[in-house]
């Protein structure tokens, strides 16, 4: 007959090893993600400024140090990609707050400033940023709503 105490000891050992592996995976996953974000954000002054919600004036002033026109296009493309990820991430499952949308609007304005600093040839290489929310004023309070979610009355009031 089998020893009755050997089975619980094996399952305890297996459970303990599983917990250790689980926590190690979480720890190394978080470290890997944070180092990847640091590398992306440290590649450009503008990327750091926009990701850390720096004032737009700082972002627009930092571009005077760009050494060439192609560097301005590279910076714009990098920031445009980050903006697109933020603006269109989980659109069906989450509703951003008005503060988050306002931060996106500020980033959109900063990208527009970069866009207008470029000459016509550079502008042909890139896509201009578009802000995906409409600004509505309801009962004296400013709110934002996606363009596809606007009612017919709201569209008419905006002139769409």
Protein backbone atom coordinates (compact mmCIF):
# COMPACT_ATOMS: atom_id res chain seq x y z
CA UNK A 1 0.00 0.00 0.00
CA UNK A 2 1.15 3.55 -0.78
CA UNK A 3 2.36 5.84 1.90
CA UNK A 4 -0.47 8.30 2.61
CA UNK A 5 1.86 11.19 3.51
CA UNK A 6 3.94 11.11 0.29
CA UNK A 7 1.17 12.44 -1.95
CA UNK A 8 0.43 15.60 0.06
CA UNK A 9 4.16 16.31 0.36
CA UNK A 10 4.61 16.05 -3.41
CA UNK A 11 1.64 18.31 -4.07
CA UNK A 12 2.94 20.87 -1.55
CA UNK A 13 6.32 20.82 -3.22
CA UNK A 14 4.76 21.21 -6.65
CA UNK A 15 2.56 24.04 -5.42
CA UNK A 16 5.53 25.84 -3.85
CA UNK A 17 7.61 25.56 -7.03
CA UNK A 18 4.66 26.81 -9.09
CA UNK A 19 4.29 29.87 -6.86
CA UNK A 20 7.99 30.66 -7.09
CA UNK A 21 7.91 30.41 -10.89
CA UNK A 22 4.74 32.50 -11.07
CA UNK A 23 6.19 35.36 -9.00
CA UNK A 24 9.50 35.20 -10.85
CA UNK A 25 7.64 35.50 -14.14
CA UNK A 26 5.70 38.53 -12.94
CA UNK A 27 8.86 40.18 -11.58
CA UNK A 28 10.92 39.69 -14.75
CA UNK A 29 7.96 40.65 -16.97
CA UNK A 30 7.56 43.97 -15.18
CA UNK A 31 11.29 44.68 -15.35
CA UNK A 32 11.39 43.84 -19.05
CA UNK A 33 8.42 46.09 -19.80
CA UNK A 34 9.80 49.02 -17.81
CA UNK A 35 13.23 48.84 -19.48
CA UNK A 36 11.62 48.68 -22.92
CA UNK A 37 9.54 51.77 -22.13
CA UNK A 38 12.62 53.62 -20.85
CA UNK A 39 14.50 52.83 -24.06
CA UNK A 40 11.64 54.09 -26.22
CA UNK A 41 11.15 57.25 -24.22
CA UNK A 42 14.83 58.14 -23.95
CA UNK A 43 15.38 58.13 -27.72
CA UNK A 44 14.06 61.66 -28.17
CA UNK A 45 13.43 64.72 -26.03
CA UNK A 46 9.99 65.07 -27.58
CA UNK A 47 9.05 61.49 -26.85
CA UNK A 48 9.99 61.92 -23.22
CA UNK A 49 8.14 65.20 -22.98
CA UNK A 50 4.92 63.86 -24.45
CA UNK A 51 4.96 60.61 -22.53
CA UNK A 52 5.46 62.41 -19.23
CA UNK A 53 2.82 65.07 -19.97
CA UNK A 54 5.29 67.93 -20.21
CA UNK A 55 3.92 71.30 -21.28
CA UNK A 56 3.44 71.73 -25.00
CA UNK A 57 5.67 74.81 -25.03
CA UNK A 58 8.60 72.61 -23.92
CA UNK A 59 7.86 70.14 -26.70
CA UNK A 60 7.68 72.81 -29.38
CA UNK A 61 10.87 74.54 -28.18
CA UNK A 62 12.92 71.37 -28.13
CA UNK A 63 12.66 70.95 -31.90
CA UNK A 64 14.96 73.90 -32.59
CA UNK A 65 17.84 71.54 -31.82
CA UNK A 66 16.99 69.19 -34.69
CA UNK A 67 20.08 68.85 -36.88
CA UNK A 68 18.38 67.91 -40.13
CA UNK A 69 14.99 67.80 -41.77
CA UNK A 70 14.95 64.02 -41.80
CA UNK A 71 15.42 64.04 -38.02
CA UNK A 72 12.26 66.13 -37.68
CA UNK A 73 10.36 63.59 -39.80
CA UNK A 74 11.71 60.69 -37.70
CA UNK A 75 10.72 62.45 -34.49
CA UNK A 76 7.27 63.20 -35.86
CA UNK A 77 6.73 59.61 -36.99
CA UNK A 78 7.77 58.25 -33.60
CA UNK A 79 5.47 60.63 -31.72
CA UNK A 80 2.65 60.04 -34.20
CA UNK A 81 2.86 56.29 -33.63
CA UNK A 82 2.69 56.73 -29.85
CA UNK A 83 -0.25 59.11 -30.22
CA UNK A 84 -2.12 56.64 -32.42
CA UNK A 85 -1.58 53.87 -29.87
CA UNK A 86 -2.92 56.04 -27.07
CA UNK A 87 -5.84 57.44 -29.05
CA UNK A 88 -7.13 54.18 -30.49
CA UNK A 89 -6.21 51.62 -27.79
CA UNK A 90 -9.17 49.63 -26.40
CA UNK A 91 -11.74 51.90 -27.99
CA UNK A 92 -14.53 49.35 -27.58
CA UNK A 93 -13.82 48.29 -24.01
CA UNK A 94 -12.73 51.41 -22.17
CA UNK A 95 -13.90 54.98 -21.90
CA UNK A 96 -11.13 57.50 -21.27
CA UNK A 97 -11.69 60.30 -18.78
CA UNK A 98 -11.96 63.91 -19.86
CA UNK A 99 -8.47 64.55 -18.46
CA UNK A 100 -6.99 61.76 -20.59
CA UNK A 101 -8.76 63.10 -23.66
CA UNK A 102 -7.51 66.62 -22.89
CA UNK A 103 -3.96 65.26 -22.64
CA UNK A 104 -4.45 63.58 -26.03
CA UNK A 105 -5.69 66.90 -27.43
CA UNK A 106 -2.55 68.63 -26.17
CA UNK A 107 -0.38 65.93 -27.80
CA UNK A 108 -2.35 66.36 -31.01
CA UNK A 109 -1.71 70.11 -30.95
CA UNK A 110 2.01 69.52 -30.34
CA UNK A 111 2.14 67.14 -33.31
CA UNK A 112 0.36 69.74 -35.43
CA UNK A 113 3.02 72.27 -34.47
CA UNK A 114 5.72 69.83 -35.60
CA UNK A 115 3.81 69.18 -38.81
CA UNK A 116 3.67 72.87 -39.70
CA UNK A 117 7.41 73.28 -39.06
CA UNK A 118 8.10 70.91 -41.95
CA UNK A 119 8.40 71.94 -45.57
CA UNK A 120 6.06 70.66 -48.29
CA UNK A 121 8.31 67.73 -49.31
CA UNK A 122 8.53 66.45 -45.76
CA UNK A 123 4.78 66.78 -45.26
CA UNK A 124 4.20 64.49 -48.24
CA UNK A 125 6.15 61.72 -46.48
CA UNK A 126 3.98 61.65 -43.38
CA UNK A 127 0.35 61.57 -42.35
CA UNK A 128 -1.10 64.51 -40.46
CA UNK A 129 -2.48 63.76 -37.00
CA UNK A 130 -6.24 63.85 -36.51
CA UNK A 131 -7.89 64.16 -33.13
CA UNK A 132 -10.57 61.42 -32.85
CA UNK A 133 -12.92 63.25 -30.46
CA UNK A 134 -15.41 66.08 -30.88
CA UNK A 135 -15.54 68.79 -28.24
CA UNK A 136 -19.10 69.35 -27.02
CA UNK A 137 -20.47 71.84 -24.53
CA UNK A 138 -23.41 70.40 -22.59
CA UNK A 139 -25.05 72.56 -19.91
CA UNK A 140 -21.95 74.71 -19.60
CA UNK A 141 -19.63 71.72 -19.18
CA UNK A 142 -17.10 70.70 -21.82
CA UNK A 143 -17.20 67.01 -22.75
CA UNK A 144 -15.60 64.92 -25.49
CA UNK A 145 -17.25 62.30 -27.65
CA UNK A 146 -16.02 60.11 -30.50
CA UNK A 147 -17.10 61.28 -33.92
CA UNK A 148 -18.72 57.94 -34.72
CA UNK A 149 -20.79 58.14 -31.52
CA UNK A 150 -22.28 61.57 -32.23
CA UNK A 151 -26.05 61.83 -32.65
CA UNK A 152 -27.59 63.60 -35.62
CA UNK A 153 -28.42 66.67 -33.50
CA UNK A 154 -24.84 66.88 -32.21
CA UNK A 155 -23.50 66.61 -35.74
CA UNK A 156 -25.73 69.42 -36.91
CA UNK A 157 -24.70 71.65 -33.99
CA UNK A 158 -21.03 71.09 -34.87
CA UNK A 159 -21.65 71.62 -38.58
CA UNK A 160 -20.61 68.08 -39.60
